[in-house]
């Protein structure tokens, strides 16, 4: 099976974790299901005609070279580009797509991120008469369907496709509500690497990170973006420590793994709250170190305004780390029992504090997550994707 993958969400040497789930899936399909894979990764820029220099600066991660990635600068208008960004991407991708289809001759195209990537891919595949499967990750459905222009373009792209992989049932319901045929929608969650994310001895994990303390620790992993609402988490952490101090309980550390435009404002917020000595910004970390931090922590925290189903929750579950999260998107589909975690209505600070207190108590007796590891592995995810791709090629979505 020859598969052409198209998405801006694909890692490179400078951004090794960008779209890492997509790269992981492609490697699984190649290694375990005999796929021949080629990647086209559009790189949105203001002026694509000056993108030759940008193209030279982008190189793949060493292990991704076998996927033959092409990084293609494409036009992009930030904030106000709903009418044009898919057309700009289509125009700039056309030569690379034409060359790939003539030389590589794919059996199917897989495109991740509905707008503009999926919309451009739909036009390209329609003209080349190649089956297309789209992937919706989360915000490309949650946020973009509220924009009438993008919504109409996404629905049209789905109509031109053979199917859509949805990373949660909530995403599938949202697409169905705006007119996507339900028979085209297949829910396939992301996976985790069970050789990296698994329960470890907490004391040993702390020693490996140089932590010589028994102070309880909250952990956040994700991009520091407004949609993740990390400001709410900093304020919840400060309020939690005030509550615990009043009850003569041990105060709690908060550690954030990730980068983003809010980092400076978050550091200032911690100073304003008086918690700067109890908040640690760790930046980006490789997966094995993230797993160590998960095993060294007491509670995993998520305070997002919306989500599909974030992969970090699956990773926290695989490490048997209790979760406290806002109840948004498809999170309740998998965080479905008190043994896994607690969900709180978005914006409910008192409820979030209560959940943190309960989770800190339950963290003293951590257990393996109830879901079997095989159901969370990337090999299992790739098997489901392979079945869907073969269903599509056979003309069936059932």
Protein backbone atom coordinates (compact mmCIF):
# COMPACT_ATOMS: atom_id res chain seq x y z
CA UNK A 1 0.00 0.00 0.00
CA UNK A 2 1.39 3.40 -1.00
CA UNK A 3 0.27 6.22 1.28
CA UNK A 4 0.89 9.92 0.71
CA UNK A 5 0.55 11.90 3.95
CA UNK A 6 -0.15 15.64 3.83
CA UNK A 7 -0.18 17.93 6.86
CA UNK A 8 1.57 20.90 8.41
CA UNK A 9 1.50 18.84 11.63
CA UNK A 10 4.68 16.87 11.09
CA UNK A 11 7.97 17.12 13.01
CA UNK A 12 11.28 18.42 11.72
CA UNK A 13 14.73 18.73 13.27
CA UNK A 14 13.95 22.15 14.77
CA UNK A 15 10.46 21.17 15.98
CA UNK A 16 10.84 17.49 16.88
CA UNK A 17 7.52 17.15 18.74
CA UNK A 18 5.30 19.08 16.31
CA UNK A 19 2.74 16.61 14.96
CA UNK A 20 4.64 13.79 16.65
CA UNK A 21 1.50 11.64 16.81
CA UNK A 22 1.21 11.77 13.01
CA UNK A 23 4.82 10.71 12.51
CA UNK A 24 4.41 7.90 15.04
CA UNK A 25 1.34 6.58 13.22
CA UNK A 26 3.15 6.64 9.87
CA UNK A 27 6.11 4.71 11.25
CA UNK A 28 3.73 2.10 12.71
CA UNK A 29 1.93 1.71 9.36
CA UNK A 30 5.23 1.35 7.58
CA UNK A 31 6.86 -1.05 10.05
CA UNK A 32 3.94 -3.30 10.95
CA UNK A 33 1.52 -3.06 8.01
CA UNK A 34 3.84 -2.89 4.98
CA UNK A 35 2.94 0.67 3.92
CA UNK A 36 5.23 2.64 1.63
CA UNK A 37 4.93 6.21 2.93
CA UNK A 38 5.79 9.63 1.55
CA UNK A 39 5.14 12.92 3.36
CA UNK A 40 4.33 16.41 2.07
CA UNK A 41 4.36 18.92 4.91
CA UNK A 42 3.15 22.44 4.05
CA UNK A 43 4.90 25.19 6.01
CA UNK A 44 2.57 28.22 6.19
CA UNK A 45 4.41 31.53 5.71
CA UNK A 46 3.43 35.08 4.81
CA UNK A 47 5.34 35.20 1.52
CA UNK A 48 5.82 31.72 0.02
CA UNK A 49 7.79 33.08 -2.97
CA UNK A 50 10.56 33.83 -0.49
CA UNK A 51 10.19 30.36 1.01
CA UNK A 52 13.17 28.79 -0.76
CA UNK A 53 15.40 29.97 2.05
CA UNK A 54 12.94 28.61 4.59
CA UNK A 55 12.85 25.26 2.78
CA UNK A 56 16.64 24.99 3.03
CA UNK A 57 16.49 25.65 6.76
CA UNK A 58 14.01 22.82 7.38
CA UNK A 59 15.37 19.31 7.65
CA UNK A 60 13.66 16.13 8.87
CA UNK A 61 14.43 14.32 12.09
CA UNK A 62 16.89 11.55 11.35
CA UNK A 63 14.40 8.75 11.86
CA UNK A 64 11.86 10.42 9.54
CA UNK A 65 14.14 10.48 6.51
CA UNK A 66 12.80 7.05 5.54
CA UNK A 67 9.36 8.71 5.07
CA UNK A 68 10.81 10.97 2.35
CA UNK A 69 9.32 14.22 3.71
CA UNK A 70 9.06 17.32 1.50
CA UNK A 71 8.62 20.61 3.38
CA UNK A 72 6.78 23.06 1.13
CA UNK A 73 6.31 26.77 2.00
CA UNK A 74 2.69 27.77 1.44
CA UNK A 75 0.91 31.12 1.64
CA UNK A 76 -0.90 31.92 4.85
CA UNK A 77 -2.81 34.95 6.13
CA UNK A 78 -3.07 34.85 9.94
CA UNK A 79 -6.37 35.57 11.73
CA UNK A 80 -8.29 36.78 8.65
CA UNK A 81 -7.41 34.11 6.10
CA UNK A 82 -10.59 32.01 6.16
CA UNK A 83 -11.48 32.88 2.57
CA UNK A 84 -8.02 32.43 1.12
CA UNK A 85 -5.69 30.14 3.10
CA UNK A 86 -6.91 26.89 1.55
CA UNK A 87 -6.57 28.42 -1.92
CA UNK A 88 -3.05 29.67 -1.13
CA UNK A 89 -2.05 26.25 0.18
CA UNK A 90 -3.60 24.55 -2.86
CA UNK A 91 -1.66 26.78 -5.26
CA UNK A 92 1.68 26.30 -3.52
CA UNK A 93 1.26 22.55 -2.98
CA UNK A 94 0.18 21.73 -6.52
CA UNK A 95 3.70 21.23 -8.03
CA UNK A 96 4.92 19.04 -5.15
CA UNK A 97 1.68 17.05 -5.17
CA UNK A 98 1.82 16.55 -8.94
CA UNK A 99 5.43 15.36 -8.75
CA UNK A 100 4.63 12.97 -5.90
CA UNK A 101 1.61 11.46 -7.61
CA UNK A 102 3.53 10.95 -10.86
CA UNK A 103 6.63 9.45 -9.24
CA UNK A 104 5.23 7.81 -6.10
CA UNK A 105 1.73 6.88 -7.41
CA UNK A 106 -0.08 6.69 -4.04
CA UNK A 107 -3.03 4.38 -3.47
CA UNK A 108 -4.50 6.76 -0.88
CA UNK A 109 -3.84 10.21 0.60
CA UNK A 110 -4.12 10.83 4.34
CA UNK A 111 -4.46 14.52 5.34
CA UNK A 112 -4.39 15.71 8.93
CA UNK A 113 -5.95 19.06 10.00
CA UNK A 114 -9.18 19.93 8.24
CA UNK A 115 -8.44 23.56 7.32
CA UNK A 116 -6.58 24.57 5.31
CA UNK A 117 -4.67 21.30 4.83
CA UNK A 118 -7.65 18.99 4.38
CA UNK A 119 -9.49 21.44 2.16
CA UNK A 120 -6.47 21.83 -0.13
CA UNK A 121 -5.92 18.06 -0.17
CA UNK A 122 -9.55 17.48 -1.16
CA UNK A 123 -9.14 19.62 -4.28
CA UNK A 124 -5.81 18.03 -5.17
CA UNK A 125 -7.12 14.49 -4.75
CA UNK A 126 -10.31 15.23 -6.67
CA UNK A 127 -8.36 16.43 -9.69
CA UNK A 128 -5.96 13.46 -9.48
CA UNK A 129 -8.74 10.92 -8.77
CA UNK A 130 -6.99 9.58 -5.65
CA UNK A 131 -8.94 8.45 -2.54
CA UNK A 132 -8.60 10.85 0.39
CA UNK A 133 -9.00 10.21 4.12
CA UNK A 134 -9.01 13.22 6.43
CA UNK A 135 -8.01 13.38 10.10
CA UNK A 136 -9.56 15.83 12.54
CA UNK A 137 -7.34 16.44 15.56
CA UNK A 138 -9.43 18.75 17.76
CA UNK A 139 -9.32 22.52 17.33
CA UNK A 140 -9.76 22.14 13.57
CA UNK A 141 -13.30 21.01 14.41
CA UNK A 142 -13.96 22.70 17.76
CA UNK A 143 -12.90 26.20 16.75
CA UNK A 144 -13.21 26.22 12.99
CA UNK A 145 -16.83 25.08 12.76
CA UNK A 146 -17.85 28.32 14.51
CA UNK A 147 -16.54 30.27 11.48
CA UNK A 148 -19.21 29.96 8.74
CA UNK A 149 -16.66 30.26 5.93
CA UNK A 150 -14.33 27.60 7.29
CA UNK A 151 -17.29 25.39 8.26
CA UNK A 152 -18.64 25.37 4.70
CA UNK A 153 -15.20 24.63 3.28
CA UNK A 154 -14.65 21.77 5.76
CA UNK A 155 -18.04 20.22 4.98
CA UNK A 156 -17.26 20.46 1.25
CA UNK A 157 -13.86 18.80 1.81
CA UNK A 158 -15.50 15.95 3.72
CA UNK A 159 -17.96 15.50 0.86
CA UNK A 160 -15.01 15.12 -1.53
CA UNK A 161 -13.24 12.66 0.79
CA UNK A 162 -13.83 8.95 1.34
CA UNK A 163 -13.78 9.25 5.12
CA UNK A 164 -12.66 11.08 8.24
CA UNK A 165 -10.68 9.72 11.17
CA UNK A 166 -11.94 11.48 14.31
CA UNK A 167 -9.74 11.52 17.40
CA UNK A 168 -12.82 11.43 19.66
CA UNK A 169 -16.51 10.62 19.40
CA UNK A 170 -17.26 14.23 20.33
CA UNK A 171 -15.48 15.41 17.18
CA UNK A 172 -17.50 12.97 15.08
CA UNK A 173 -20.76 14.27 16.60
CA UNK A 174 -19.81 17.85 15.86
CA UNK A 175 -19.01 17.07 12.23
CA UNK A 176 -22.22 15.08 11.85
CA UNK A 177 -24.18 18.02 13.28
CA UNK A 178 -23.01 20.30 10.45
CA UNK A 179 -23.81 17.80 7.72
CA UNK A 180 -20.98 15.27 7.50
CA UNK A 181 -22.38 11.82 6.57
CA UNK A 182 -22.07 9.61 9.67
CA UNK A 183 -21.01 6.60 7.57
CA UNK A 184 -17.85 8.53 6.61
CA UNK A 185 -16.79 9.14 10.22
CA UNK A 186 -14.60 6.66 12.10
CA UNK A 187 -13.54 7.27 15.71
CA UNK A 188 -9.93 6.21 16.25
CA UNK A 189 -8.17 7.58 19.31
CA UNK A 190 -4.47 8.36 19.39
CA UNK A 191 -2.12 5.97 21.15
CA UNK A 192 0.86 5.84 23.46
CA UNK A 193 4.15 4.00 23.41
CA UNK A 194 3.87 1.47 26.28
CA UNK A 195 7.66 1.10 26.31
CA UNK A 196 7.92 4.78 27.31
CA UNK A 197 4.73 5.51 29.25
CA UNK A 198 4.13 3.00 32.02
CA UNK A 199 3.86 3.12 35.84
CA UNK A 200 7.18 3.43 37.65
CA UNK A 201 8.20 3.75 41.27
CA UNK A 202 7.57 7.38 42.21
CA UNK A 203 10.62 7.68 44.47
CA UNK A 204 12.87 6.29 41.73
CA UNK A 205 11.37 8.64 39.13
CA UNK A 206 12.01 11.59 41.43
CA UNK A 207 15.60 10.53 42.00
CA UNK A 208 16.16 10.25 38.24
CA UNK A 209 15.05 13.90 37.90
CA UNK A 210 17.15 15.10 40.79
CA UNK A 211 14.18 15.77 43.05
CA UNK A 212 15.14 15.17 46.64
CA UNK A 213 11.83 16.09 48.18
CA UNK A 214 8.48 14.59 49.07
CA UNK A 215 6.59 17.80 48.32
CA UNK A 216 3.41 16.93 46.32
CA UNK A 217 3.53 17.99 42.69
CA UNK A 218 0.95 18.91 40.04
CA UNK A 219 1.94 18.49 36.38
CA UNK A 220 0.78 20.20 33.19
CA UNK A 221 2.00 19.11 29.74
CA UNK A 222 0.98 21.06 26.66
CA UNK A 223 1.38 24.21 24.63
CA UNK A 224 1.11 27.43 26.61
CA UNK A 225 -1.84 28.76 24.64
CA UNK A 226 -5.04 30.54 25.62
CA UNK A 227 -7.17 27.52 24.63
CA UNK A 228 -5.33 25.48 27.29
CA UNK A 229 -6.17 28.18 29.88
CA UNK A 230 -2.98 27.79 31.94
CA UNK A 231 -3.78 31.06 33.74
CA UNK A 232 -6.72 29.26 35.39
CA UNK A 233 -4.34 26.50 36.47
CA UNK A 234 -1.89 28.96 38.05
CA UNK A 235 -4.75 30.58 39.96
CA UNK A 236 -6.13 27.21 41.05
CA UNK A 237 -2.68 26.20 42.27
CA UNK A 238 -2.32 29.41 44.28
CA UNK A 239 -5.79 28.99 45.80
CA UNK A 240 -5.04 25.34 46.60
CA UNK A 241 -1.92 26.28 48.53
CA UNK A 242 -3.81 28.95 50.44
CA UNK A 243 -6.42 26.38 51.40
CA UNK A 244 -3.79 23.81 52.39
CA UNK A 245 -1.82 26.35 54.43
CA UNK A 246 -4.97 27.23 56.36
CA UNK A 247 -5.49 23.51 57.07
CA UNK A 248 -1.82 23.07 58.03
CA UNK A 249 -1.17 20.74 55.06
CA UNK A 250 1.96 20.47 52.93
CA UNK A 251 2.01 23.02 50.09
CA UNK A 252 2.14 21.78 46.50
CA UNK A 253 4.48 22.42 43.55
CA UNK A 254 3.20 23.07 40.02
CA UNK A 255 5.36 22.13 37.05
CA UNK A 256 4.56 23.00 33.42
CA UNK A 257 6.13 21.17 30.48
CA UNK A 258 5.73 22.97 27.18
CA UNK A 259 6.30 26.25 25.40
CA UNK A 260 4.12 28.93 23.90
CA UNK A 261 3.32 32.63 23.59
CA UNK A 262 1.82 32.83 27.09
CA UNK A 263 4.97 31.84 28.95
CA UNK A 264 6.08 35.39 29.81
CA UNK A 265 2.59 36.35 30.98
CA UNK A 266 2.35 33.16 33.05
CA UNK A 267 5.65 33.87 34.78
CA UNK A 268 4.38 37.35 35.61
CA UNK A 269 1.10 35.87 36.89
CA UNK A 270 3.01 33.55 39.24
CA UNK A 271 4.92 36.54 40.62
CA UNK A 272 1.66 38.46 41.09
CA UNK A 273 0.15 35.47 42.91
CA UNK A 274 3.23 35.10 45.09
CA UNK A 275 3.81 31.51 43.95
CA UNK A 276 6.86 31.96 41.71
CA UNK A 277 8.95 29.77 44.06
CA UNK A 278 6.34 26.97 43.76
CA UNK A 279 5.88 27.08 39.97
CA UNK A 280 8.48 25.61 37.63
CA UNK A 281 8.52 26.09 33.86
CA UNK A 282 10.35 23.14 32.32
CA UNK A 283 10.05 23.97 28.61
CA UNK A 284 9.78 21.20 26.04
CA UNK A 285 10.97 17.77 27.09
CA UNK A 286 11.49 14.51 25.14
CA UNK A 287 8.89 11.76 25.66
CA UNK A 288 10.94 9.62 28.05
CA UNK A 289 11.56 12.61 30.30
CA UNK A 290 7.85 13.52 30.15
CA UNK A 291 7.12 9.97 31.31
CA UNK A 292 9.57 10.42 34.19
CA UNK A 293 7.85 13.65 35.24
CA UNK A 294 4.46 11.92 35.08
CA UNK A 295 5.68 9.17 37.36
CA UNK A 296 7.32 11.68 39.70
CA UNK A 297 4.13 13.77 40.02
CA UNK A 298 0.97 13.28 42.08
CA UNK A 299 -1.74 14.71 39.79
CA UNK A 300 -1.95 15.54 36.08
CA UNK A 301 -3.83 18.81 35.44
CA UNK A 302 -5.67 20.03 32.37
CA UNK A 303 -7.72 23.24 32.28
CA UNK A 304 -8.53 23.54 28.57
CA UNK A 305 -11.40 25.55 27.13
CA UNK A 306 -11.88 22.86 24.47
CA UNK A 307 -10.16 19.71 23.26
CA UNK A 308 -10.57 16.72 20.97
CA UNK A 309 -8.93 14.12 23.14
CA UNK A 310 -5.40 15.24 24.05
CA UNK A 311 -2.74 12.57 23.82
CA UNK A 312 -1.15 13.65 27.09
CA UNK A 313 -4.18 12.28 28.95
CA UNK A 314 -3.62 8.84 27.43
CA UNK A 315 0.03 9.10 28.45
CA UNK A 316 -0.92 10.10 32.00
CA UNK A 317 -3.37 7.19 32.14
CA UNK A 318 -0.67 4.79 30.97
CA UNK A 319 1.54 6.06 33.81
CA UNK A 320 -1.33 5.57 36.29
CA UNK A 321 -1.21 9.27 37.15
CA UNK A 322 -4.53 10.61 38.53
CA UNK A 323 -6.12 13.26 36.31
CA UNK A 324 -8.04 16.43 37.11
CA UNK A 325 -9.41 18.07 33.97
CA UNK A 326 -12.09 20.39 32.71
CA UNK A 327 -14.98 18.45 31.20
CA UNK A 328 -14.64 19.54 27.58
CA UNK A 329 -14.62 17.86 24.18
CA UNK A 330 -14.22 14.10 24.21
CA UNK A 331 -12.32 13.85 27.50
CA UNK A 332 -15.21 12.14 29.33
CA UNK A 333 -15.10 9.32 26.75
CA UNK A 334 -11.89 7.96 28.29
CA UNK A 335 -11.62 9.68 31.69
CA UNK A 336 -14.75 7.82 32.67
CA UNK A 337 -14.13 6.48 36.18
CA UNK A 338 -12.89 7.92 39.51
CA UNK A 339 -9.94 5.51 39.35
CA UNK A 340 -8.76 7.37 36.24
CA UNK A 341 -9.57 10.96 37.15
CA UNK A 342 -12.10 13.65 37.89
CA UNK A 343 -13.76 16.08 35.51
CA UNK A 344 -14.88 19.58 36.47
CA UNK A 345 -17.13 22.06 34.70
CA UNK A 346 -15.09 24.67 32.84
CA UNK A 347 -14.51 27.79 34.96
CA UNK A 348 -15.55 26.14 38.25
CA UNK A 349 -12.61 27.09 40.48
CA UNK A 350 -14.02 25.68 43.73
CA UNK A 351 -14.91 22.43 42.03
CA UNK A 352 -11.42 22.21 40.55
CA UNK A 353 -9.85 22.80 43.97
CA UNK A 354 -11.99 20.07 45.54
CA UNK A 355 -11.00 17.67 42.75
CA UNK A 356 -7.31 18.46 43.27
CA UNK A 357 -7.60 17.75 46.99
CA UNK A 358 -9.34 14.43 46.32
CA UNK A 359 -6.79 13.46 43.68
CA UNK A 360 -3.87 14.27 45.96
CA UNK A 361 -5.32 11.88 48.53
CA UNK A 362 -5.98 9.12 45.98
CA UNK A 363 -2.47 9.57 44.55
CA UNK A 364 -1.10 7.96 47.70
CA UNK A 365 -2.37 4.59 46.45
CA UNK A 366 -1.81 4.79 42.69
CA UNK A 367 -2.78 1.75 40.64
CA UNK A 368 -2.49 0.64 37.03
CA UNK A 369 -5.08 2.27 34.74
CA UNK A 370 -8.08 -0.02 34.15
CA UNK A 371 -7.77 0.10 30.35
CA UNK A 372 -5.45 -2.60 28.96
CA UNK A 373 -2.24 -1.25 27.48
CA UNK A 374 -2.89 -2.91 24.12
CA UNK A 375 -5.94 -0.68 23.62
CA UNK A 376 -3.72 2.38 24.04
CA UNK A 377 -0.71 1.29 21.94
CA UNK A 378 0.21 2.94 18.65
CA UNK A 379 0.32 -0.49 17.02
CA UNK A 380 -3.36 -0.95 17.88
CA UNK A 381 -4.16 2.54 16.54
CA UNK A 382 -2.33 1.76 13.30
CA UNK A 383 -4.29 -1.49 12.96
CA UNK A 384 -7.58 0.43 13.22
CA UNK A 385 -6.38 2.98 10.66
CA UNK A 386 -5.29 0.18 8.33
CA UNK A 387 -8.75 -1.41 8.56
CA UNK A 388 -10.41 1.92 7.76
CA UNK A 389 -8.10 2.56 4.80
CA UNK A 390 -8.84 -0.89 3.41
CA UNK A 391 -12.58 -0.38 3.98
CA UNK A 392 -12.33 2.86 1.99
CA UNK A 393 -10.43 1.19 -0.84
CA UNK A 394 -13.01 -1.58 -0.92
CA UNK A 395 -15.79 1.00 -1.12
CA UNK A 396 -17.17 0.33 2.38
CA UNK A 397 -17.26 2.57 5.47
CA UNK A 398 -18.85 -0.01 7.74
